């Protein structure tokens, strides 16, 4: 009963946070700092997973809401960790690996998260960023929906894909979040 109450409490919390997503407050942010903070939390929570990052040496400054972007990164990293845990639960013993890269390009930059987990389901893949769509027994289906909303509120894009040659390498997923460096200002 206590476990069920905890699960229900977590679901209610996620439902309510999705229902009242705050409007982004745009300021100058450093992508590497946001990434380091999100990775640090996941590294502490999942010490058996190896996290690697590939980012430019000089700061990648952009206009955005750091708190919301950090939430999106945390959700993506948490999903990657759960995907690795699901693969290990199937009896595979290859250690978990999550690679994160920041890739500036012209007027945008991408944050790419690659894992060696179970990969993306072939069916309903196009619906994974919709609210309440989940492949996990205890999932609420809001993690990627929240990520998509945050990315779209920043004028960005989210792409879910399989790891290249993933079938031979045991699966894995790649989630790419792309953001513009500067936000379009609305003329009133």
N, C-alpha and C. Protein backbone atom coordinates (compact mmCIF):
# COMPACT_ATOMS: atom_id res chain seq x y z
N UNK A 1 0.84 -1.19 0.00
CA UNK A 1 0.00 0.00 0.00
C UNK A 1 0.88 1.25 0.00
N UNK A 2 1.94 1.24 0.81
CA UNK A 2 2.83 2.40 0.88
C UNK A 2 3.48 2.65 -0.49
N UNK A 3 3.93 1.55 -1.14
CA UNK A 3 4.54 1.70 -2.46
C UNK A 3 3.53 2.25 -3.46
N UNK A 4 2.30 1.74 -3.43
CA UNK A 4 1.26 2.21 -4.34
C UNK A 4 0.98 3.70 -4.11
N UNK A 5 0.93 4.11 -2.85
CA UNK A 5 0.70 5.52 -2.54
C UNK A 5 1.83 6.38 -3.08
N UNK A 6 3.06 5.88 -2.95
CA UNK A 6 4.20 6.61 -3.50
C UNK A 6 4.10 6.77 -5.00
N UNK A 7 3.71 5.68 -5.69
CA UNK A 7 3.54 5.73 -7.15
C UNK A 7 2.45 6.71 -7.54
N UNK A 8 1.33 6.66 -6.83
CA UNK A 8 0.21 7.56 -7.13
C UNK A 8 0.63 9.01 -6.87
N UNK A 9 1.34 9.24 -5.76
CA UNK A 9 1.81 10.58 -5.45
C UNK A 9 2.71 11.13 -6.54
N UNK A 10 3.61 10.27 -7.03
CA UNK A 10 4.52 10.69 -8.10
C UNK A 10 3.75 11.02 -9.37
N UNK A 11 2.75 10.21 -9.69
CA UNK A 11 1.93 10.46 -10.89
C UNK A 11 1.17 11.78 -10.77
N UNK A 12 0.57 12.02 -9.61
CA UNK A 12 -0.18 13.27 -9.41
C UNK A 12 0.75 14.46 -9.56
N UNK A 13 1.96 14.35 -8.99
CA UNK A 13 2.95 15.42 -9.09
C UNK A 13 3.29 15.71 -10.55
N UNK A 14 3.52 14.65 -11.34
CA UNK A 14 3.86 14.85 -12.75
C UNK A 14 2.69 15.41 -13.53
N UNK A 15 1.48 14.91 -13.26
CA UNK A 15 0.29 15.44 -13.95
C UNK A 15 0.14 16.93 -13.69
N UNK A 16 0.27 17.32 -12.42
CA UNK A 16 0.05 18.72 -12.09
C UNK A 16 1.17 19.60 -12.65
N UNK A 17 2.41 19.09 -12.67
CA UNK A 17 3.49 19.91 -13.23
C UNK A 17 3.31 20.08 -14.73
N UNK A 18 2.76 19.07 -15.40
CA UNK A 18 2.50 19.20 -16.84
C UNK A 18 1.38 20.20 -17.08
N UNK A 19 0.35 20.16 -16.23
CA UNK A 19 -0.81 21.03 -16.41
C UNK A 19 -0.45 22.50 -16.22
N UNK A 20 0.54 22.77 -15.38
CA UNK A 20 0.90 24.17 -15.12
C UNK A 20 2.35 24.45 -15.48
N UNK A 21 2.72 24.07 -16.67
CA UNK A 21 4.07 24.36 -17.12
C UNK A 21 4.26 25.88 -17.16
N UNK A 22 5.29 26.38 -16.49
CA UNK A 22 5.48 27.84 -16.48
C UNK A 22 5.95 28.35 -17.83
N UNK A 23 5.61 29.61 -18.11
CA UNK A 23 6.11 30.25 -19.32
C UNK A 23 7.61 30.46 -19.14
N UNK A 24 8.39 30.24 -20.19
CA UNK A 24 9.83 30.41 -20.05
C UNK A 24 10.21 31.86 -19.77
N UNK A 25 11.18 32.04 -18.87
CA UNK A 25 11.75 33.35 -18.59
C UNK A 25 13.12 33.37 -19.25
N UNK A 26 13.23 34.11 -20.35
CA UNK A 26 14.45 34.07 -21.16
C UNK A 26 15.55 34.96 -20.59
N UNK A 27 16.74 34.37 -20.45
CA UNK A 27 17.94 35.12 -20.08
C UNK A 27 19.15 34.44 -20.72
N UNK A 28 20.28 35.05 -20.59
CA UNK A 28 21.51 34.48 -21.16
C UNK A 28 21.93 33.29 -20.30
N UNK A 29 22.10 32.14 -20.94
CA UNK A 29 22.44 30.90 -20.23
C UNK A 29 23.64 30.24 -20.90
N UNK A 30 24.34 29.42 -20.13
CA UNK A 30 25.49 28.67 -20.62
C UNK A 30 25.09 27.20 -20.73
N UNK A 31 25.05 26.67 -21.94
CA UNK A 31 24.60 25.29 -22.17
C UNK A 31 25.45 24.27 -21.41
N UNK A 32 26.79 24.49 -21.37
CA UNK A 32 27.65 23.54 -20.67
C UNK A 32 27.33 23.47 -19.18
N UNK A 33 27.06 24.61 -18.55
CA UNK A 33 26.74 24.61 -17.11
C UNK A 33 25.46 23.84 -16.84
N UNK A 34 24.43 24.08 -17.67
CA UNK A 34 23.16 23.37 -17.49
C UNK A 34 23.35 21.87 -17.65
N UNK A 35 24.15 21.50 -18.64
CA UNK A 35 24.42 20.08 -18.89
C UNK A 35 25.18 19.46 -17.71
N UNK A 36 26.21 20.16 -17.22
CA UNK A 36 27.00 19.64 -16.09
C UNK A 36 26.12 19.40 -14.87
N UNK A 37 25.19 20.34 -14.58
CA UNK A 37 24.32 20.19 -13.42
C UNK A 37 23.40 18.97 -13.58
N UNK A 38 22.80 18.81 -14.77
CA UNK A 38 21.88 17.69 -15.00
C UNK A 38 22.64 16.36 -14.94
N UNK A 39 23.83 16.31 -15.52
CA UNK A 39 24.62 15.07 -15.52
C UNK A 39 25.08 14.74 -14.10
N UNK A 40 25.49 15.75 -13.34
CA UNK A 40 25.93 15.51 -11.97
C UNK A 40 24.84 14.80 -11.17
N UNK A 41 23.61 15.30 -11.26
CA UNK A 41 22.50 14.69 -10.50
C UNK A 41 22.27 13.24 -10.92
N UNK A 42 22.33 12.97 -12.22
CA UNK A 42 22.10 11.61 -12.71
C UNK A 42 23.26 10.69 -12.35
N UNK A 43 24.48 11.23 -12.35
CA UNK A 43 25.66 10.44 -11.98
C UNK A 43 25.56 9.99 -10.53
N UNK A 44 25.07 10.87 -9.67
CA UNK A 44 24.89 10.53 -8.26
C UNK A 44 23.79 9.47 -8.11
N UNK A 45 22.70 9.63 -8.87
CA UNK A 45 21.57 8.70 -8.78
C UNK A 45 21.89 7.34 -9.40
N UNK A 46 22.77 7.31 -10.41
CA UNK A 46 23.08 6.08 -11.14
C UNK A 46 24.59 5.88 -11.24
N UNK A 47 25.26 5.56 -10.13
CA UNK A 47 26.72 5.45 -10.16
C UNK A 47 27.24 4.32 -11.05
N UNK A 48 26.41 3.35 -11.39
CA UNK A 48 26.88 2.23 -12.22
C UNK A 48 26.91 2.59 -13.71
N UNK A 49 26.35 3.74 -14.09
CA UNK A 49 26.34 4.16 -15.50
C UNK A 49 27.50 5.12 -15.73
N UNK A 50 28.20 4.93 -16.86
CA UNK A 50 29.29 5.82 -17.24
C UNK A 50 28.72 6.95 -18.10
N UNK A 51 28.94 8.19 -17.66
CA UNK A 51 28.48 9.37 -18.41
C UNK A 51 29.70 10.03 -19.04
N UNK A 52 29.61 10.32 -20.33
CA UNK A 52 30.68 11.06 -21.00
C UNK A 52 30.05 12.27 -21.68
N UNK A 53 30.81 13.35 -21.76
CA UNK A 53 30.27 14.52 -22.46
C UNK A 53 31.31 15.07 -23.42
N UNK A 54 30.79 15.61 -24.50
CA UNK A 54 31.61 16.19 -25.56
C UNK A 54 31.01 17.56 -25.85
N UNK A 55 31.71 18.60 -25.39
CA UNK A 55 31.21 19.97 -25.58
C UNK A 55 32.36 20.87 -25.97
N UNK A 56 32.05 21.96 -26.67
CA UNK A 56 33.11 22.90 -27.01
C UNK A 56 33.79 23.44 -25.75
N UNK A 57 35.07 23.78 -25.87
CA UNK A 57 35.83 24.31 -24.73
C UNK A 57 35.28 25.66 -24.28
N UNK A 58 34.97 26.54 -25.24
CA UNK A 58 34.44 27.86 -24.88
C UNK A 58 32.93 27.74 -24.63
N UNK A 59 32.39 28.58 -23.73
CA UNK A 59 30.98 28.49 -23.38
C UNK A 59 30.05 28.64 -24.59
N UNK A 60 28.97 27.89 -24.56
CA UNK A 60 27.93 28.02 -25.58
C UNK A 60 26.80 28.82 -24.93
N UNK A 61 26.80 30.13 -25.20
CA UNK A 61 25.80 31.02 -24.62
C UNK A 61 24.56 31.03 -25.51
N UNK A 62 23.40 31.04 -24.88
CA UNK A 62 22.15 31.12 -25.63
C UNK A 62 21.10 31.83 -24.79
N UNK A 63 20.02 32.20 -25.44
CA UNK A 63 18.91 32.86 -24.76
C UNK A 63 17.84 31.82 -24.46
N UNK A 64 17.55 31.61 -23.18
CA UNK A 64 16.55 30.61 -22.82
C UNK A 64 16.28 30.61 -21.34
N UNK A 65 15.42 29.70 -20.91
CA UNK A 65 15.09 29.54 -19.50
C UNK A 65 15.89 28.35 -18.98
N UNK A 66 16.96 28.64 -18.25
CA UNK A 66 17.86 27.61 -17.77
C UNK A 66 17.18 26.56 -16.91
N UNK A 67 16.23 26.98 -16.08
CA UNK A 67 15.53 26.04 -15.21
C UNK A 67 14.74 25.02 -16.03
N UNK A 68 14.06 25.51 -17.07
CA UNK A 68 13.25 24.61 -17.92
C UNK A 68 14.14 23.71 -18.77
N UNK A 69 15.21 24.27 -19.32
CA UNK A 69 16.13 23.46 -20.14
C UNK A 69 16.76 22.37 -19.26
N UNK A 70 17.13 22.72 -18.03
CA UNK A 70 17.69 21.72 -17.11
C UNK A 70 16.67 20.62 -16.83
N UNK A 71 15.39 20.99 -16.69
CA UNK A 71 14.33 20.00 -16.47
C UNK A 71 14.23 19.06 -17.68
N UNK A 72 14.28 19.63 -18.89
CA UNK A 72 14.22 18.80 -20.10
C UNK A 72 15.40 17.83 -20.15
N UNK A 73 16.60 18.33 -19.86
CA UNK A 73 17.80 17.47 -19.87
C UNK A 73 17.68 16.37 -18.83
N UNK A 74 17.21 16.73 -17.64
CA UNK A 74 17.04 15.74 -16.58
C UNK A 74 16.07 14.65 -17.01
N UNK A 75 14.95 15.03 -17.64
CA UNK A 75 13.98 14.04 -18.10
C UNK A 75 14.59 13.10 -19.13
N UNK A 76 15.34 13.65 -20.08
CA UNK A 76 15.96 12.83 -21.13
C UNK A 76 17.00 11.89 -20.51
N UNK A 77 17.83 12.40 -19.60
CA UNK A 77 18.86 11.57 -18.96
C UNK A 77 18.22 10.50 -18.08
N UNK A 78 17.14 10.84 -17.40
CA UNK A 78 16.43 9.87 -16.56
C UNK A 78 15.87 8.74 -17.43
N UNK A 79 15.29 9.10 -18.57
CA UNK A 79 14.78 8.07 -19.50
C UNK A 79 15.90 7.17 -19.98
N UNK A 80 17.05 7.76 -20.30
CA UNK A 80 18.19 6.97 -20.77
C UNK A 80 18.62 5.98 -19.69
N UNK A 81 18.68 6.45 -18.44
CA UNK A 81 19.06 5.58 -17.33
C UNK A 81 18.06 4.45 -17.12
N UNK A 82 16.76 4.76 -17.26
CA UNK A 82 15.72 3.74 -17.11
C UNK A 82 15.78 2.72 -18.24
N UNK A 83 16.14 3.19 -19.43
CA UNK A 83 16.27 2.30 -20.58
C UNK A 83 17.43 1.32 -20.37
N UNK A 84 18.52 1.82 -19.80
CA UNK A 84 19.66 0.95 -19.49
C UNK A 84 19.27 -0.06 -18.42
N UNK A 85 18.57 0.40 -17.39
CA UNK A 85 18.12 -0.49 -16.31
C UNK A 85 17.21 -1.59 -16.86
N UNK A 86 16.35 -1.26 -17.82
CA UNK A 86 15.45 -2.25 -18.43
C UNK A 86 16.26 -3.29 -19.21
N UNK A 87 17.31 -2.84 -19.91
CA UNK A 87 18.16 -3.78 -20.66
C UNK A 87 18.88 -4.73 -19.70
N UNK A 88 19.40 -4.19 -18.60
CA UNK A 88 20.12 -5.00 -17.62
C UNK A 88 19.16 -5.97 -16.94
N UNK A 89 17.92 -5.53 -16.70
CA UNK A 89 16.91 -6.39 -16.07
C UNK A 89 16.57 -7.59 -16.96
N UNK A 90 16.78 -7.44 -18.27
CA UNK A 90 16.55 -8.57 -19.20
C UNK A 90 17.67 -9.59 -19.13
N UNK A 91 18.71 -9.28 -18.36
CA UNK A 91 19.79 -10.24 -18.20
C UNK A 91 21.05 -9.89 -18.96
N UNK A 92 21.06 -8.76 -19.65
CA UNK A 92 22.28 -8.35 -20.36
C UNK A 92 23.19 -7.65 -19.36
N UNK A 93 24.47 -7.96 -19.43
CA UNK A 93 25.38 -7.42 -18.41
C UNK A 93 26.34 -6.36 -18.91
N UNK A 94 26.17 -5.89 -20.16
CA UNK A 94 27.05 -4.82 -20.65
C UNK A 94 26.80 -3.56 -19.81
N UNK A 95 27.87 -2.92 -19.32
CA UNK A 95 27.69 -1.72 -18.47
C UNK A 95 26.94 -0.61 -19.21
N UNK A 96 26.20 0.17 -18.44
CA UNK A 96 25.45 1.28 -19.02
C UNK A 96 26.34 2.45 -19.39
N UNK A 97 26.04 3.04 -20.56
CA UNK A 97 26.80 4.20 -21.03
C UNK A 97 25.83 5.24 -21.59
N UNK A 98 26.05 6.48 -21.18
CA UNK A 98 25.27 7.60 -21.73
C UNK A 98 26.27 8.66 -22.17
N UNK A 99 26.19 9.04 -23.44
CA UNK A 99 27.08 10.07 -23.99
C UNK A 99 26.24 11.30 -24.32
N UNK A 100 26.73 12.46 -23.90
CA UNK A 100 26.02 13.71 -24.14
C UNK A 100 26.95 14.62 -24.93
N UNK A 101 26.42 15.24 -25.96
CA UNK A 101 27.22 16.14 -26.78
C UNK A 101 26.47 17.45 -27.01
N UNK A 102 27.22 18.55 -27.01
CA UNK A 102 26.67 19.86 -27.38
C UNK A 102 27.30 20.21 -28.71
N UNK A 103 26.45 20.47 -29.70
CA UNK A 103 26.93 20.71 -31.06
C UNK A 103 26.37 22.02 -31.61
N UNK A 104 27.18 23.11 -31.58
CA UNK A 104 26.74 24.37 -32.18
C UNK A 104 26.76 24.28 -33.70
N UNK A 105 25.76 24.89 -34.34
CA UNK A 105 25.73 24.90 -35.81
C UNK A 105 24.92 26.10 -36.28
N UNK A 106 25.58 27.04 -36.92
CA UNK A 106 24.93 28.25 -37.45
C UNK A 106 24.14 28.97 -36.35
N UNK A 107 22.82 29.09 -36.52
CA UNK A 107 21.99 29.85 -35.57
C UNK A 107 21.41 28.97 -34.46
N UNK A 108 21.78 27.68 -34.45
CA UNK A 108 21.24 26.76 -33.45
C UNK A 108 22.35 25.95 -32.80
N UNK A 109 21.98 25.27 -31.72
CA UNK A 109 22.88 24.27 -31.15
C UNK A 109 22.02 23.09 -30.73
N UNK A 110 22.64 21.91 -30.75
CA UNK A 110 21.92 20.70 -30.36
C UNK A 110 22.58 20.08 -29.14
N UNK A 111 21.74 19.46 -28.32
CA UNK A 111 22.22 18.64 -27.21
C UNK A 111 21.76 17.22 -27.55
N UNK A 112 22.74 16.33 -27.75
CA UNK A 112 22.44 14.96 -28.16
C UNK A 112 22.77 14.01 -27.01
N UNK A 113 21.78 13.18 -26.64
CA UNK A 113 21.96 12.20 -25.57
C UNK A 113 21.83 10.81 -26.19
N UNK A 114 22.90 10.02 -26.10
CA UNK A 114 22.93 8.68 -26.68
C UNK A 114 23.12 7.67 -25.56
N UNK A 115 22.28 6.62 -25.55
CA UNK A 115 22.41 5.60 -24.50
C UNK A 115 22.54 4.22 -25.13
N UNK A 116 22.91 3.25 -24.31
CA UNK A 116 22.96 1.86 -24.79
C UNK A 116 21.90 1.03 -24.06
N UNK A 117 20.73 1.62 -23.94
CA UNK A 117 19.59 0.94 -23.30
C UNK A 117 18.83 0.07 -24.28
N UNK A 118 17.55 -0.16 -23.97
CA UNK A 118 16.73 -1.08 -24.79
C UNK A 118 16.35 -0.48 -26.14
N UNK A 119 16.55 0.81 -26.33
CA UNK A 119 16.17 1.43 -27.60
C UNK A 119 14.72 1.87 -27.59
N UNK A 120 14.30 2.41 -28.71
CA UNK A 120 12.93 2.92 -28.83
C UNK A 120 12.02 1.85 -29.41
N UNK A 121 10.78 1.81 -28.96
CA UNK A 121 9.86 0.81 -29.52
C UNK A 121 9.52 1.17 -30.96
N UNK A 122 9.48 0.19 -31.87
CA UNK A 122 9.16 0.51 -33.26
C UNK A 122 7.72 1.01 -33.41
N UNK A 123 6.80 0.43 -32.62
CA UNK A 123 5.40 0.86 -32.72
C UNK A 123 5.17 2.06 -31.80
N UNK A 124 4.35 2.97 -32.23
CA UNK A 124 3.98 4.18 -31.49
C UNK A 124 5.17 5.12 -31.22
N UNK A 125 6.28 4.91 -31.90
CA UNK A 125 7.45 5.76 -31.66
C UNK A 125 7.12 7.23 -31.91
N UNK A 126 6.35 7.48 -32.97
CA UNK A 126 6.00 8.86 -33.31
C UNK A 126 5.11 9.52 -32.26
N UNK A 127 4.56 8.72 -31.33
CA UNK A 127 3.67 9.26 -30.31
C UNK A 127 4.34 9.40 -28.95
N UNK A 128 5.63 9.05 -28.83
CA UNK A 128 6.29 9.03 -27.52
C UNK A 128 6.37 10.40 -26.84
N UNK A 129 6.27 11.49 -27.61
CA UNK A 129 6.32 12.82 -26.99
C UNK A 129 4.92 13.37 -26.71
N UNK A 130 3.89 12.55 -26.94
CA UNK A 130 2.53 12.98 -26.61
C UNK A 130 2.26 12.69 -25.14
N UNK A 131 1.41 13.51 -24.49
CA UNK A 131 1.09 13.25 -23.08
C UNK A 131 0.44 11.88 -22.89
N UNK A 132 0.82 11.21 -21.82
CA UNK A 132 0.25 9.94 -21.36
C UNK A 132 0.60 8.73 -22.23
N UNK A 133 1.53 8.88 -23.17
CA UNK A 133 2.00 7.74 -23.95
C UNK A 133 3.29 7.26 -23.30
N UNK A 134 3.31 5.98 -22.86
CA UNK A 134 4.49 5.44 -22.20
C UNK A 134 4.67 3.98 -22.58
N UNK A 135 5.90 3.49 -22.46
CA UNK A 135 6.19 2.07 -22.71
C UNK A 135 6.56 1.39 -21.40
N UNK A 136 6.59 2.15 -20.31
CA UNK A 136 7.01 1.59 -19.02
C UNK A 136 5.82 1.33 -18.11
N UNK A 137 5.93 0.25 -17.34
CA UNK A 137 4.84 -0.14 -16.43
C UNK A 137 4.51 0.97 -15.44
N UNK A 138 5.54 1.66 -14.93
CA UNK A 138 5.31 2.70 -13.93
C UNK A 138 5.44 4.10 -14.52
N UNK A 139 5.48 4.20 -15.84
CA UNK A 139 5.62 5.52 -16.46
C UNK A 139 4.31 6.27 -16.53
N UNK A 140 4.39 7.60 -16.45
CA UNK A 140 3.19 8.42 -16.56
C UNK A 140 2.97 8.90 -17.99
N UNK A 141 4.00 8.80 -18.81
CA UNK A 141 3.88 9.29 -20.18
C UNK A 141 3.98 10.80 -20.26
N UNK A 142 4.57 11.43 -19.25
CA UNK A 142 4.69 12.89 -19.27
C UNK A 142 6.12 13.38 -19.44
N UNK A 143 7.12 12.54 -19.19
CA UNK A 143 8.51 12.97 -19.26
C UNK A 143 8.87 13.59 -20.60
N UNK A 144 8.66 12.85 -21.69
CA UNK A 144 9.01 13.38 -23.02
C UNK A 144 8.01 14.43 -23.50
N UNK A 145 6.77 14.37 -23.01
CA UNK A 145 5.79 15.41 -23.35
C UNK A 145 6.23 16.75 -22.77
N UNK A 146 6.75 16.72 -21.54
CA UNK A 146 7.27 17.93 -20.91
C UNK A 146 8.49 18.43 -21.68
N UNK A 147 9.38 17.51 -22.06
CA UNK A 147 10.57 17.88 -22.84
C UNK A 147 10.14 18.57 -24.14
N UNK A 148 9.19 17.96 -24.86
CA UNK A 148 8.74 18.54 -26.13
C UNK A 148 8.17 19.93 -25.93
N UNK A 149 7.36 20.12 -24.87
CA UNK A 149 6.76 21.44 -24.61
C UNK A 149 7.85 22.47 -24.33
N UNK A 150 8.83 22.12 -23.51
CA UNK A 150 9.92 23.05 -23.19
C UNK A 150 10.69 23.41 -24.46
N UNK A 151 11.03 22.41 -25.26
CA UNK A 151 11.80 22.65 -26.49
C UNK A 151 10.99 23.53 -27.44
N UNK A 152 9.70 23.23 -27.62
CA UNK A 152 8.86 24.03 -28.52
C UNK A 152 8.69 25.46 -28.01
N UNK A 153 8.57 25.62 -26.68
CA UNK A 153 8.45 26.97 -26.11
C UNK A 153 9.70 27.80 -26.36
N UNK A 154 10.82 27.14 -26.67
CA UNK A 154 12.07 27.83 -26.99
C UNK A 154 12.29 27.92 -28.51
N UNK A 155 11.30 27.53 -29.29
CA UNK A 155 11.44 27.58 -30.74
C UNK A 155 12.35 26.49 -31.28
N UNK A 156 12.49 25.40 -30.51
CA UNK A 156 13.40 24.33 -30.89
C UNK A 156 12.69 23.10 -31.41
N UNK A 157 13.41 21.99 -31.43
CA UNK A 157 12.91 20.75 -32.01
C UNK A 157 13.49 19.56 -31.24
N UNK A 158 12.73 18.46 -31.18
CA UNK A 158 13.20 17.23 -30.55
C UNK A 158 13.11 16.11 -31.58
N UNK A 159 14.17 15.29 -31.65
CA UNK A 159 14.19 14.16 -32.58
C UNK A 159 14.58 12.92 -31.78
N UNK A 160 13.77 11.85 -31.92
CA UNK A 160 14.07 10.56 -31.29
C UNK A 160 14.52 9.60 -32.37
N UNK A 161 15.62 8.90 -32.15
CA UNK A 161 16.14 7.98 -33.17
C UNK A 161 16.82 6.80 -32.50
N UNK A 162 17.07 5.77 -33.29
CA UNK A 162 17.83 4.62 -32.82
C UNK A 162 19.32 4.92 -32.97
N UNK A 163 20.13 4.29 -32.15
CA UNK A 163 21.57 4.39 -32.30
C UNK A 163 21.93 3.74 -33.64
N UNK A 164 22.81 4.39 -34.39
CA UNK A 164 23.25 3.81 -35.66
C UNK A 164 23.91 2.47 -35.38
N UNK A 165 23.58 1.46 -36.15
CA UNK A 165 24.06 0.09 -35.94
C UNK A 165 23.64 -0.43 -34.57
N UNK A 166 22.56 0.10 -34.03
CA UNK A 166 22.10 -0.29 -32.70
C UNK A 166 21.71 -1.75 -32.61
N UNK A 167 21.16 -2.28 -33.70
CA UNK A 167 20.72 -3.68 -33.69
C UNK A 167 21.90 -4.61 -33.42
N UNK A 168 23.05 -4.32 -34.05
CA UNK A 168 24.23 -5.16 -33.83
C UNK A 168 24.85 -4.90 -32.45
N UNK A 169 24.66 -3.68 -31.94
CA UNK A 169 25.29 -3.31 -30.67
C UNK A 169 24.34 -3.41 -29.49
N UNK A 170 23.20 -4.06 -29.66
CA UNK A 170 22.30 -4.27 -28.54
C UNK A 170 21.28 -3.18 -28.30
N UNK A 171 21.08 -2.29 -29.26
CA UNK A 171 20.03 -1.28 -29.11
C UNK A 171 20.59 0.08 -28.77
N UNK A 172 19.76 0.85 -28.09
CA UNK A 172 20.16 2.20 -27.72
C UNK A 172 19.32 3.23 -28.46
N UNK A 173 19.25 4.42 -27.86
CA UNK A 173 18.46 5.51 -28.43
C UNK A 173 19.29 6.78 -28.45
N UNK A 174 18.92 7.67 -29.36
CA UNK A 174 19.54 8.99 -29.46
C UNK A 174 18.41 10.02 -29.40
N UNK A 175 18.48 10.92 -28.42
CA UNK A 175 17.51 12.01 -28.32
C UNK A 175 18.28 13.29 -28.58
N UNK A 176 17.82 14.05 -29.58
CA UNK A 176 18.48 15.30 -29.94
C UNK A 176 17.54 16.47 -29.71
N UNK A 177 17.97 17.39 -28.86
CA UNK A 177 17.22 18.62 -28.59
C UNK A 177 17.95 19.76 -29.28
N UNK A 178 17.26 20.48 -30.15
CA UNK A 178 17.88 21.58 -30.88
C UNK A 178 17.21 22.88 -30.48
N UNK A 179 18.04 23.88 -30.17
CA UNK A 179 17.54 25.19 -29.72
C UNK A 179 18.18 26.29 -30.55
N UNK A 180 17.45 27.39 -30.77
CA UNK A 180 18.08 28.56 -31.39
C UNK A 180 18.94 29.28 -30.34
N UNK A 181 20.00 29.96 -30.81
CA UNK A 181 20.83 30.72 -29.88
C UNK A 181 20.08 31.92 -29.32
N UNK A 182 19.23 32.54 -30.14
CA UNK A 182 18.47 33.69 -29.66
C UNK A 182 17.00 33.50 -29.97
N UNK A 183 16.17 34.07 -29.11
CA UNK A 183 14.72 33.95 -29.25
C UNK A 183 14.20 35.08 -30.13
N UNK A 184 13.17 34.76 -30.89
CA UNK A 184 12.51 35.79 -31.70
C UNK A 184 11.75 36.70 -30.75
N UNK A 185 11.92 37.99 -30.91
CA UNK A 185 11.17 38.93 -30.05
C UNK A 185 9.85 39.24 -30.72
N UNK A 186 8.79 39.29 -29.94
CA UNK A 186 7.47 39.55 -30.48
C UNK A 186 7.22 41.06 -30.50
N UNK A 187 6.80 41.54 -31.63
CA UNK A 187 6.47 42.96 -31.76
C UNK A 187 5.02 43.16 -31.34
N UNK A 188 4.79 44.10 -30.44
CA UNK A 188 3.45 44.31 -29.92
C UNK A 188 2.83 45.42 -30.58
